């Protein structure tokens, strides 16, 4: 869905400072807001956010499954949520198979107190 907005010359000049050759005004605004240049499926991003709210503490792969989207789509949606301050992540460390190492992240809604409910990793 497209909407028409009116912006003044000062705002446009600010956006143009961040423009790349060939950018549309929509792409400039998306980049300025920290969004991807091309729109993702809103339903997929919403599904990932809903899955995160319903299942705090899952990995990106688990959230992708819960949301019914691909792993890449879930990863992009989670990164966008983190950039907006709507999600946080904690690193998962495992020791089996030859020593310690980072194996991934667990994702949490930003307003969720995950420190009071540790998961068994």
N, C-alpha and C. Protein backbone atom coordinates (compact mmCIF):
# COMPACT_ATOMS: atom_id res chain seq x y z
N UNK A 1 0.84 -1.16 0.00
CA UNK A 1 0.00 0.00 0.00
C UNK A 1 0.90 1.24 0.00
N UNK A 2 0.55 2.21 -0.78
CA UNK A 2 1.31 3.44 -0.87
C UNK A 2 0.50 4.60 -0.31
N UNK A 3 1.18 5.53 0.31
CA UNK A 3 0.56 6.73 0.86
C UNK A 3 1.33 7.94 0.32
N UNK A 4 0.68 9.05 0.26
CA UNK A 4 1.33 10.30 -0.14
C UNK A 4 1.59 11.12 1.11
N UNK A 5 2.84 11.57 1.26
CA UNK A 5 3.18 12.45 2.37
C UNK A 5 3.80 13.72 1.79
N UNK A 6 3.70 14.80 2.53
CA UNK A 6 4.31 16.06 2.11
C UNK A 6 5.41 16.38 3.10
N UNK A 7 6.59 16.71 2.55
CA UNK A 7 7.72 17.09 3.40
C UNK A 7 8.27 18.41 2.89
N UNK A 8 8.87 19.16 3.78
CA UNK A 8 9.41 20.45 3.36
C UNK A 8 10.82 20.29 2.78
N UNK A 9 11.33 21.38 2.23
CA UNK A 9 12.64 21.35 1.57
C UNK A 9 13.77 20.99 2.52
N UNK A 10 13.68 21.42 3.77
CA UNK A 10 14.73 21.13 4.75
C UNK A 10 14.82 19.63 5.03
N UNK A 11 13.67 18.98 5.19
CA UNK A 11 13.64 17.54 5.43
C UNK A 11 14.17 16.80 4.20
N UNK A 12 13.75 17.23 3.02
CA UNK A 12 14.22 16.59 1.79
C UNK A 12 15.73 16.72 1.64
N UNK A 13 16.28 17.87 1.97
CA UNK A 13 17.72 18.07 1.89
C UNK A 13 18.46 17.12 2.84
N UNK A 14 17.90 16.93 4.02
CA UNK A 14 18.50 15.99 4.98
C UNK A 14 18.48 14.57 4.44
N UNK A 15 17.35 14.17 3.86
CA UNK A 15 17.25 12.83 3.28
C UNK A 15 18.23 12.65 2.13
N UNK A 16 18.37 13.68 1.30
CA UNK A 16 19.24 13.59 0.14
C UNK A 16 20.71 13.45 0.53
N UNK A 17 21.07 13.89 1.73
CA UNK A 17 22.44 13.71 2.20
C UNK A 17 22.77 12.23 2.35
N UNK A 18 21.76 11.41 2.58
CA UNK A 18 21.95 9.97 2.77
C UNK A 18 21.61 9.17 1.51
N UNK A 19 21.29 9.87 0.44
CA UNK A 19 20.84 9.20 -0.79
C UNK A 19 22.00 8.56 -1.54
N UNK A 20 21.66 7.52 -2.25
CA UNK A 20 22.58 6.87 -3.17
C UNK A 20 22.08 7.14 -4.58
N UNK A 21 22.96 7.08 -5.57
CA UNK A 21 22.50 7.34 -6.95
C UNK A 21 21.31 6.44 -7.31
N UNK A 22 20.27 7.05 -7.85
CA UNK A 22 19.11 6.30 -8.29
C UNK A 22 18.07 6.02 -7.21
N UNK A 23 18.31 6.49 -5.98
CA UNK A 23 17.35 6.26 -4.90
C UNK A 23 16.02 6.95 -5.19
N UNK A 24 14.97 6.29 -4.81
CA UNK A 24 13.66 6.92 -4.79
C UNK A 24 13.49 7.58 -3.42
N UNK A 25 12.56 8.53 -3.29
CA UNK A 25 12.31 9.10 -1.97
C UNK A 25 11.96 8.03 -0.93
N UNK A 26 11.23 7.02 -1.32
CA UNK A 26 10.88 5.94 -0.39
C UNK A 26 12.12 5.22 0.11
N UNK A 27 13.08 4.94 -0.78
CA UNK A 27 14.31 4.28 -0.37
C UNK A 27 15.11 5.16 0.59
N UNK A 28 15.13 6.47 0.34
CA UNK A 28 15.85 7.37 1.24
C UNK A 28 15.24 7.35 2.64
N UNK A 29 13.91 7.40 2.70
CA UNK A 29 13.24 7.39 4.00
C UNK A 29 13.47 6.06 4.70
N UNK A 30 13.37 4.94 3.97
CA UNK A 30 13.60 3.62 4.57
C UNK A 30 15.00 3.53 5.16
N UNK A 31 16.00 4.00 4.43
CA UNK A 31 17.38 3.95 4.91
C UNK A 31 17.55 4.86 6.13
N UNK A 32 16.96 6.05 6.09
CA UNK A 32 17.06 6.98 7.20
C UNK A 32 16.44 6.39 8.47
N UNK A 33 15.39 5.60 8.30
CA UNK A 33 14.73 4.95 9.44
C UNK A 33 15.40 3.65 9.86
N UNK A 34 16.45 3.26 9.13
CA UNK A 34 17.16 2.03 9.48
C UNK A 34 16.50 0.77 8.96
N UNK A 35 15.66 0.92 7.95
CA UNK A 35 14.98 -0.24 7.36
C UNK A 35 15.74 -0.69 6.12
N UNK A 36 15.44 -1.88 5.64
CA UNK A 36 16.03 -2.36 4.40
C UNK A 36 15.55 -1.51 3.24
N UNK A 37 16.35 -1.43 2.19
CA UNK A 37 16.00 -0.62 1.02
C UNK A 37 14.72 -1.09 0.34
N UNK A 38 14.51 -2.39 0.32
CA UNK A 38 13.31 -2.92 -0.32
C UNK A 38 12.40 -3.51 0.76
N UNK A 39 11.12 -3.26 0.64
CA UNK A 39 10.21 -3.76 1.67
C UNK A 39 10.20 -5.28 1.75
N UNK A 40 10.22 -5.77 2.97
CA UNK A 40 10.02 -7.20 3.16
C UNK A 40 8.51 -7.44 3.24
N UNK A 41 8.14 -8.68 3.27
CA UNK A 41 6.72 -8.97 3.40
C UNK A 41 6.28 -8.55 4.80
N UNK A 42 5.37 -7.60 4.90
CA UNK A 42 4.95 -7.16 6.23
C UNK A 42 4.38 -8.30 7.06
N UNK A 43 3.68 -9.22 6.40
CA UNK A 43 3.10 -10.34 7.13
C UNK A 43 4.19 -11.20 7.77
N UNK A 44 5.30 -11.41 7.07
CA UNK A 44 6.38 -12.22 7.61
C UNK A 44 7.03 -11.53 8.80
N UNK A 45 7.30 -10.23 8.69
CA UNK A 45 7.92 -9.50 9.79
C UNK A 45 7.00 -9.48 11.01
N UNK A 46 5.71 -9.29 10.77
CA UNK A 46 4.73 -9.32 11.86
C UNK A 46 4.64 -10.71 12.49
N UNK A 47 4.72 -11.74 11.66
CA UNK A 47 4.66 -13.10 12.16
C UNK A 47 5.85 -13.41 13.06
N UNK A 48 7.04 -12.93 12.68
CA UNK A 48 8.24 -13.15 13.50
C UNK A 48 8.10 -12.41 14.82
N UNK A 49 7.62 -11.17 14.78
CA UNK A 49 7.45 -10.41 16.01
C UNK A 49 6.42 -11.08 16.92
N UNK A 50 5.34 -11.57 16.35
CA UNK A 50 4.33 -12.27 17.15
C UNK A 50 4.89 -13.56 17.74
N UNK A 51 5.68 -14.28 16.96
CA UNK A 51 6.30 -15.51 17.46
C UNK A 51 7.26 -15.20 18.60
N UNK A 52 8.00 -14.11 18.49
CA UNK A 52 8.93 -13.71 19.54
C UNK A 52 8.19 -13.37 20.83
N UNK A 53 7.07 -12.64 20.70
CA UNK A 53 6.28 -12.30 21.88
C UNK A 53 5.68 -13.55 22.54
N UNK A 54 5.25 -14.48 21.72
CA UNK A 54 4.62 -15.69 22.25
C UNK A 54 5.64 -16.71 22.76
N UNK A 55 6.88 -16.63 22.25
CA UNK A 55 7.90 -17.63 22.58
C UNK A 55 9.24 -16.97 22.90
N UNK A 56 9.32 -16.16 23.95
CA UNK A 56 10.59 -15.50 24.24
C UNK A 56 11.68 -16.53 24.54
N UNK A 57 12.88 -16.22 24.08
CA UNK A 57 14.02 -17.08 24.38
C UNK A 57 14.33 -18.13 23.34
N UNK A 58 13.66 -18.10 22.19
CA UNK A 58 13.96 -19.06 21.14
C UNK A 58 15.10 -18.57 20.26
N UNK A 59 15.70 -19.48 19.52
CA UNK A 59 16.71 -19.11 18.54
C UNK A 59 16.02 -18.60 17.27
N UNK A 60 16.80 -18.02 16.37
CA UNK A 60 16.24 -17.53 15.10
C UNK A 60 15.60 -18.67 14.32
N UNK A 61 16.24 -19.84 14.31
CA UNK A 61 15.69 -20.98 13.58
C UNK A 61 14.37 -21.43 14.20
N UNK A 62 14.31 -21.46 15.52
CA UNK A 62 13.07 -21.84 16.20
C UNK A 62 11.96 -20.82 15.95
N UNK A 63 12.33 -19.54 15.96
CA UNK A 63 11.33 -18.49 15.69
C UNK A 63 10.86 -18.55 14.24
N UNK A 64 11.77 -18.85 13.31
CA UNK A 64 11.37 -19.00 11.91
C UNK A 64 10.33 -20.10 11.78
N UNK A 65 10.57 -21.22 12.44
CA UNK A 65 9.62 -22.33 12.40
C UNK A 65 8.28 -21.91 13.03
N UNK A 66 8.35 -21.26 14.19
CA UNK A 66 7.13 -20.84 14.88
C UNK A 66 6.32 -19.83 14.06
N UNK A 67 7.02 -18.98 13.30
CA UNK A 67 6.35 -17.95 12.50
C UNK A 67 5.94 -18.46 11.12
N UNK A 68 6.46 -19.62 10.74
CA UNK A 68 6.15 -20.15 9.41
C UNK A 68 6.83 -19.41 8.28
N UNK A 69 8.05 -18.91 8.56
CA UNK A 69 8.83 -18.19 7.55
C UNK A 69 10.20 -18.84 7.42
N UNK A 70 10.94 -18.44 6.41
CA UNK A 70 12.28 -18.96 6.22
C UNK A 70 13.26 -18.40 7.24
N UNK A 71 14.38 -19.10 7.42
CA UNK A 71 15.39 -18.69 8.39
C UNK A 71 15.95 -17.31 8.05
N UNK A 72 16.23 -17.06 6.79
CA UNK A 72 16.78 -15.77 6.37
C UNK A 72 15.80 -14.63 6.67
N UNK A 73 14.52 -14.86 6.38
CA UNK A 73 13.49 -13.86 6.65
C UNK A 73 13.41 -13.58 8.14
N UNK A 74 13.44 -14.62 8.95
CA UNK A 74 13.38 -14.44 10.41
C UNK A 74 14.61 -13.68 10.90
N UNK A 75 15.78 -14.02 10.38
CA UNK A 75 17.00 -13.34 10.79
C UNK A 75 16.96 -11.85 10.47
N UNK A 76 16.47 -11.51 9.29
CA UNK A 76 16.35 -10.09 8.90
C UNK A 76 15.33 -9.37 9.78
N UNK A 77 14.22 -10.02 10.05
CA UNK A 77 13.19 -9.40 10.89
C UNK A 77 13.71 -9.20 12.31
N UNK A 78 14.44 -10.17 12.84
CA UNK A 78 14.99 -10.05 14.19
C UNK A 78 16.04 -8.95 14.26
N UNK A 79 16.88 -8.86 13.24
CA UNK A 79 17.89 -7.79 13.20
C UNK A 79 17.22 -6.42 13.16
N UNK A 80 16.15 -6.30 12.37
CA UNK A 80 15.42 -5.04 12.29
C UNK A 80 14.77 -4.70 13.64
N UNK A 81 14.21 -5.70 14.31
CA UNK A 81 13.63 -5.48 15.63
C UNK A 81 14.70 -5.04 16.63
N UNK A 82 15.87 -5.65 16.56
CA UNK A 82 16.96 -5.27 17.45
C UNK A 82 17.41 -3.84 17.17
N UNK A 83 17.51 -3.47 15.90
CA UNK A 83 17.90 -2.11 15.52
C UNK A 83 16.92 -1.07 16.04
N UNK A 84 15.65 -1.45 16.10
CA UNK A 84 14.61 -0.53 16.59
C UNK A 84 14.50 -0.54 18.11
N UNK A 85 15.25 -1.42 18.77
CA UNK A 85 15.17 -1.53 20.22
C UNK A 85 14.00 -2.35 20.70
N UNK A 86 13.39 -3.14 19.81
CA UNK A 86 12.22 -3.93 20.18
C UNK A 86 12.57 -5.37 20.56
N UNK A 87 13.82 -5.77 20.34
CA UNK A 87 14.26 -7.13 20.67
C UNK A 87 15.70 -7.10 21.14
N UNK A 88 16.05 -8.04 21.99
CA UNK A 88 17.42 -8.21 22.44
C UNK A 88 17.81 -9.67 22.25
N UNK A 89 19.09 -9.94 22.32
CA UNK A 89 19.55 -11.32 22.17
C UNK A 89 20.63 -11.61 23.19
N UNK A 90 20.71 -12.87 23.56
CA UNK A 90 21.77 -13.35 24.43
C UNK A 90 22.51 -14.44 23.69
N UNK A 91 23.80 -14.51 23.91
CA UNK A 91 24.64 -15.51 23.24
C UNK A 91 24.50 -16.86 23.91
N UNK A 92 24.42 -17.90 23.10
CA UNK A 92 24.36 -19.27 23.59
C UNK A 92 25.77 -19.84 23.50
N UNK A 93 26.27 -20.38 24.60
CA UNK A 93 27.57 -21.06 24.60
C UNK A 93 27.34 -22.52 24.94
N UNK A 94 27.99 -23.39 24.21
CA UNK A 94 27.89 -24.82 24.49
C UNK A 94 29.30 -25.37 24.61
N UNK A 95 29.47 -26.40 25.41
CA UNK A 95 30.81 -26.96 25.63
C UNK A 95 31.01 -28.33 25.01
N UNK A 96 29.96 -28.97 24.55
CA UNK A 96 30.12 -30.31 23.98
C UNK A 96 30.85 -30.24 22.63
N UNK A 97 31.51 -31.32 22.25
CA UNK A 97 32.13 -31.43 20.94
C UNK A 97 33.44 -30.68 20.79
N UNK A 98 34.28 -30.70 21.79
CA UNK A 98 35.60 -30.13 21.62
C UNK A 98 35.85 -28.80 22.28
N UNK A 99 35.04 -28.40 23.20
CA UNK A 99 35.34 -27.18 23.93
C UNK A 99 34.31 -26.09 23.76
N UNK A 100 34.54 -25.00 24.47
CA UNK A 100 33.57 -23.92 24.45
C UNK A 100 33.54 -23.19 23.11
N UNK A 101 32.40 -22.64 22.81
CA UNK A 101 32.27 -21.87 21.58
C UNK A 101 30.89 -21.27 21.48
N UNK A 102 30.79 -20.15 20.81
CA UNK A 102 29.50 -19.51 20.59
C UNK A 102 28.76 -20.30 19.52
N UNK A 103 27.51 -20.61 19.78
CA UNK A 103 26.75 -21.37 18.81
C UNK A 103 25.51 -20.64 18.30
N UNK A 104 25.24 -19.47 18.82
CA UNK A 104 24.07 -18.74 18.34
C UNK A 104 23.51 -17.79 19.38
N UNK A 105 22.27 -17.40 19.16
CA UNK A 105 21.62 -16.44 20.06
C UNK A 105 20.23 -16.93 20.43
N UNK A 106 19.79 -16.49 21.59
CA UNK A 106 18.38 -16.59 21.97
C UNK A 106 17.84 -15.17 21.90
N UNK A 107 16.61 -15.05 21.39
CA UNK A 107 16.00 -13.74 21.17
C UNK A 107 14.89 -13.50 22.17
N UNK A 108 14.78 -12.23 22.59
CA UNK A 108 13.82 -11.83 23.61
C UNK A 108 13.15 -10.52 23.21
N UNK A 109 11.86 -10.35 23.52
CA UNK A 109 11.28 -9.01 23.38
C UNK A 109 12.04 -8.06 24.30
N UNK A 110 12.23 -6.83 23.89
CA UNK A 110 13.06 -5.90 24.65
C UNK A 110 12.53 -5.68 26.07
N UNK A 111 11.22 -5.75 26.24
CA UNK A 111 10.64 -5.50 27.56
C UNK A 111 10.50 -6.77 28.41
N UNK A 112 11.11 -7.86 27.97
CA UNK A 112 11.00 -9.15 28.68
C UNK A 112 12.19 -9.33 29.61
N UNK A 113 11.95 -9.67 30.87
CA UNK A 113 13.04 -9.90 31.82
C UNK A 113 13.51 -11.34 31.72
N UNK A 114 14.45 -11.60 30.82
CA UNK A 114 14.93 -12.97 30.60
C UNK A 114 15.90 -13.41 31.68
N UNK A 115 16.38 -12.50 32.51
CA UNK A 115 17.33 -12.88 33.56
C UNK A 115 16.65 -13.66 34.68
N UNK A 116 15.33 -13.51 34.83
CA UNK A 116 14.62 -14.21 35.90
C UNK A 116 14.19 -15.62 35.50
N UNK A 117 14.29 -15.94 34.20
CA UNK A 117 13.88 -17.25 33.73
C UNK A 117 14.94 -17.83 32.81
N UNK A 118 16.05 -18.28 33.38
CA UNK A 118 17.12 -18.82 32.51
C UNK A 118 16.70 -20.09 31.82
N UNK A 119 17.24 -20.29 30.65
CA UNK A 119 16.97 -21.50 29.88
C UNK A 119 18.15 -22.43 30.05
N UNK A 120 17.93 -23.69 29.92
CA UNK A 120 18.99 -24.68 30.08
C UNK A 120 19.82 -24.88 28.83
N UNK A 121 20.90 -24.16 28.68
CA UNK A 121 21.82 -24.34 27.55
C UNK A 121 23.13 -24.87 28.05
